[in-house]
């Protein structure tokens, strides 16, 4: 009876939020996979896409080229 729920399934996100008593409105999901960010955004999280591409999505708040850019860009969230 495995209860593992991988991303981007909402059940996995919800289980983590509940277990850690996290308010999704105070969380930032940093990902290189757009489907995972779609779920995070629908749950109320801020979202950061790590990508060298130029695609835009209503589910992405900030796009960065490298996670090293995160501290500089975090103020926009």
N, C-alpha and C. Protein backbone atom coordinates (compact mmCIF):
# COMPACT_ATOMS: atom_id res chain seq x y z
N UNK A 1 0.84 -1.19 0.00
CA UNK A 1 0.00 0.00 0.00
C UNK A 1 0.88 1.25 0.00
N UNK A 2 1.30 1.68 -1.16
CA UNK A 2 2.19 2.83 -1.28
C UNK A 2 1.35 4.11 -1.34
N UNK A 3 1.75 5.09 -0.53
CA UNK A 3 1.03 6.37 -0.49
C UNK A 3 1.81 7.49 -1.18
N UNK A 4 2.89 7.14 -1.83
CA UNK A 4 3.70 8.12 -2.53
C UNK A 4 2.91 8.76 -3.66
N UNK A 5 2.91 10.07 -3.71
CA UNK A 5 2.22 10.81 -4.76
C UNK A 5 3.21 11.78 -5.38
N UNK A 6 3.76 11.44 -6.56
CA UNK A 6 4.80 12.27 -7.17
C UNK A 6 4.25 13.59 -7.73
N UNK A 7 5.15 14.54 -7.90
CA UNK A 7 4.79 15.77 -8.59
C UNK A 7 4.42 15.40 -10.02
N UNK A 8 3.52 16.05 -10.65
CA UNK A 8 2.76 17.22 -10.23
C UNK A 8 1.41 16.91 -9.60
N UNK A 9 1.23 15.71 -9.06
CA UNK A 9 -0.06 15.36 -8.46
C UNK A 9 -0.33 16.24 -7.23
N UNK A 10 -1.47 16.93 -7.17
CA UNK A 10 -1.77 17.81 -6.05
C UNK A 10 -1.74 17.12 -4.68
N UNK A 11 -2.06 15.84 -4.63
CA UNK A 11 -2.09 15.14 -3.34
C UNK A 11 -0.74 15.18 -2.64
N UNK A 12 0.34 15.04 -3.40
CA UNK A 12 1.68 15.10 -2.81
C UNK A 12 2.00 16.46 -2.23
N UNK A 13 1.64 17.50 -2.96
CA UNK A 13 1.85 18.87 -2.48
C UNK A 13 1.04 19.10 -1.20
N UNK A 14 -0.22 18.72 -1.24
CA UNK A 14 -1.10 18.93 -0.08
C UNK A 14 -0.59 18.17 1.15
N UNK A 15 -0.12 16.94 0.94
CA UNK A 15 0.39 16.15 2.07
C UNK A 15 1.59 16.83 2.71
N UNK A 16 2.48 17.35 1.90
CA UNK A 16 3.66 18.04 2.43
C UNK A 16 3.25 19.32 3.17
N UNK A 17 2.38 20.11 2.56
CA UNK A 17 1.93 21.34 3.20
C UNK A 17 1.28 21.05 4.55
N UNK A 18 0.45 20.03 4.58
CA UNK A 18 -0.24 19.67 5.81
C UNK A 18 0.75 19.14 6.86
N UNK A 19 1.64 18.25 6.45
CA UNK A 19 2.60 17.65 7.38
C UNK A 19 3.53 18.69 8.00
N UNK A 20 3.90 19.68 7.23
CA UNK A 20 4.82 20.72 7.72
C UNK A 20 4.10 21.97 8.21
N UNK A 21 2.76 21.93 8.17
CA UNK A 21 1.93 23.07 8.61
C UNK A 21 2.32 24.36 7.88
N UNK A 22 2.42 24.24 6.56
CA UNK A 22 2.80 25.37 5.73
C UNK A 22 1.59 26.00 5.07
N UNK A 23 1.59 27.31 5.03
CA UNK A 23 0.58 28.07 4.30
C UNK A 23 1.11 28.23 2.88
N UNK A 24 0.44 27.68 1.87
CA UNK A 24 0.98 27.78 0.51
C UNK A 24 1.18 29.21 0.04
N UNK A 25 0.44 30.15 0.58
CA UNK A 25 0.60 31.56 0.19
C UNK A 25 1.93 32.13 0.68
N UNK A 26 2.60 31.41 1.57
CA UNK A 26 3.90 31.85 2.08
C UNK A 26 5.04 30.97 1.54
N UNK A 27 4.75 30.16 0.53
CA UNK A 27 5.74 29.25 -0.05
C UNK A 27 6.12 29.68 -1.46
N UNK A 28 7.35 29.36 -1.83
CA UNK A 28 7.84 29.61 -3.18
C UNK A 28 8.30 28.28 -3.75
N UNK A 29 7.75 27.90 -4.87
CA UNK A 29 8.15 26.67 -5.55
C UNK A 29 9.12 27.04 -6.65
N UNK A 30 10.33 26.49 -6.59
CA UNK A 30 11.36 26.73 -7.59
C UNK A 30 11.53 25.44 -8.37
N UNK A 31 11.36 25.50 -9.68
CA UNK A 31 11.30 24.29 -10.51
C UNK A 31 11.82 24.56 -11.91
N UNK A 32 12.23 23.48 -12.58
CA UNK A 32 12.55 23.59 -13.99
C UNK A 32 11.49 22.88 -14.84
N UNK A 33 10.40 22.51 -14.19
CA UNK A 33 9.31 21.80 -14.87
C UNK A 33 8.01 22.59 -14.73
N UNK A 34 7.48 23.05 -15.85
CA UNK A 34 6.26 23.85 -15.83
C UNK A 34 5.07 23.10 -15.24
N UNK A 35 4.83 21.82 -15.54
CA UNK A 35 3.68 21.14 -14.93
C UNK A 35 3.70 21.16 -13.39
N UNK A 36 4.88 21.07 -12.81
CA UNK A 36 4.97 21.13 -11.34
C UNK A 36 4.61 22.52 -10.83
N UNK A 37 4.97 23.54 -11.59
CA UNK A 37 4.63 24.91 -11.19
C UNK A 37 3.14 25.20 -11.34
N UNK A 38 2.50 24.59 -12.31
CA UNK A 38 1.06 24.77 -12.48
C UNK A 38 0.34 24.30 -11.23
N UNK A 39 0.70 23.14 -10.73
CA UNK A 39 0.07 22.63 -9.51
C UNK A 39 0.35 23.54 -8.33
N UNK A 40 1.61 23.95 -8.17
CA UNK A 40 1.98 24.83 -7.06
C UNK A 40 1.18 26.14 -7.10
N UNK A 41 1.08 26.73 -8.27
CA UNK A 41 0.35 28.01 -8.42
C UNK A 41 -1.12 27.83 -8.10
N UNK A 42 -1.72 26.73 -8.56
CA UNK A 42 -3.13 26.47 -8.27
C UNK A 42 -3.38 26.29 -6.78
N UNK A 43 -2.36 25.85 -6.04
CA UNK A 43 -2.49 25.70 -4.58
C UNK A 43 -2.20 26.99 -3.84
N UNK A 44 -1.75 28.03 -4.57
CA UNK A 44 -1.55 29.34 -3.95
C UNK A 44 -0.11 29.75 -3.73
N UNK A 45 0.84 28.95 -4.19
CA UNK A 45 2.26 29.28 -4.00
C UNK A 45 2.74 30.28 -5.04
N UNK A 46 3.79 31.01 -4.69
CA UNK A 46 4.52 31.79 -5.67
C UNK A 46 5.39 30.81 -6.44
N UNK A 47 5.70 31.13 -7.70
CA UNK A 47 6.42 30.17 -8.53
C UNK A 47 7.59 30.82 -9.25
N UNK A 48 8.68 30.05 -9.34
CA UNK A 48 9.88 30.47 -10.05
C UNK A 48 10.27 29.36 -11.01
N UNK A 49 10.37 29.70 -12.29
CA UNK A 49 10.80 28.75 -13.31
C UNK A 49 12.28 28.96 -13.58
N UNK A 50 13.06 27.90 -13.47
CA UNK A 50 14.48 27.94 -13.82
C UNK A 50 14.58 27.43 -15.26
N UNK A 51 14.91 28.34 -16.17
CA UNK A 51 14.90 27.98 -17.59
C UNK A 51 15.73 28.98 -18.39
N UNK A 52 16.38 28.49 -19.40
CA UNK A 52 17.10 29.38 -20.31
C UNK A 52 16.23 29.74 -21.51
N UNK A 53 15.03 29.16 -21.57
CA UNK A 53 14.10 29.44 -22.66
C UNK A 53 13.36 30.74 -22.43
N UNK A 54 12.47 31.04 -23.34
CA UNK A 54 11.72 32.30 -23.26
C UNK A 54 10.21 32.07 -23.16
N UNK A 55 9.80 30.86 -22.78
CA UNK A 55 8.36 30.61 -22.71
C UNK A 55 7.75 31.35 -21.52
N UNK A 56 6.53 31.78 -21.71
CA UNK A 56 5.81 32.52 -20.68
C UNK A 56 4.57 31.73 -20.29
N UNK A 57 4.19 31.85 -19.04
CA UNK A 57 3.02 31.13 -18.55
C UNK A 57 2.38 31.93 -17.43
N UNK A 58 1.06 31.90 -17.35
CA UNK A 58 0.38 32.58 -16.25
C UNK A 58 0.65 31.89 -14.90
N UNK A 59 1.25 30.72 -14.94
CA UNK A 59 1.55 29.99 -13.71
C UNK A 59 2.95 30.26 -13.18
N UNK A 60 3.69 31.13 -13.85
CA UNK A 60 5.06 31.45 -13.46
C UNK A 60 5.13 32.92 -13.05
N UNK A 61 5.59 33.16 -11.81
CA UNK A 61 5.74 34.54 -11.34
C UNK A 61 7.06 35.15 -11.80
N UNK A 62 8.12 34.37 -11.73
CA UNK A 62 9.46 34.85 -12.09
C UNK A 62 10.18 33.73 -12.84
N UNK A 63 10.91 34.10 -13.89
CA UNK A 63 11.77 33.15 -14.59
C UNK A 63 13.22 33.55 -14.37
N UNK A 64 14.06 32.59 -14.00
CA UNK A 64 15.48 32.84 -13.82
C UNK A 64 16.26 31.84 -14.66
N UNK A 65 17.47 32.20 -15.04
CA UNK A 65 18.30 31.32 -15.86
C UNK A 65 19.05 30.31 -15.01
N UNK A 66 19.30 30.65 -13.75
CA UNK A 66 20.06 29.79 -12.85
C UNK A 66 19.55 29.99 -11.42
N UNK A 67 19.62 28.94 -10.61
CA UNK A 67 19.20 29.09 -9.21
C UNK A 67 20.09 30.10 -8.49
N UNK A 68 21.27 30.36 -9.02
CA UNK A 68 22.14 31.38 -8.43
C UNK A 68 21.54 32.77 -8.53
N UNK A 69 20.58 32.95 -9.43
CA UNK A 69 19.90 34.25 -9.59
C UNK A 69 18.77 34.43 -8.57
N UNK A 70 18.42 33.38 -7.87
CA UNK A 70 17.26 33.42 -6.97
C UNK A 70 17.35 34.51 -5.89
N UNK A 71 18.47 34.63 -5.16
CA UNK A 71 18.51 35.68 -4.12
C UNK A 71 18.27 37.08 -4.67
N UNK A 72 18.79 37.36 -5.85
CA UNK A 72 18.63 38.69 -6.46
C UNK A 72 17.20 38.94 -6.89
N UNK A 73 16.50 37.91 -7.31
CA UNK A 73 15.15 38.06 -7.85
C UNK A 73 14.05 37.79 -6.82
N UNK A 74 14.40 37.26 -5.68
CA UNK A 74 13.41 36.85 -4.69
C UNK A 74 12.56 38.01 -4.18
N UNK A 75 13.07 39.20 -4.20
CA UNK A 75 12.32 40.35 -3.74
C UNK A 75 11.08 40.62 -4.56
N UNK A 76 10.99 40.09 -5.75
CA UNK A 76 9.82 40.31 -6.62
C UNK A 76 8.66 39.41 -6.26
N UNK A 77 8.86 38.51 -5.30
CA UNK A 77 7.79 37.57 -4.95
C UNK A 77 7.09 38.07 -3.74
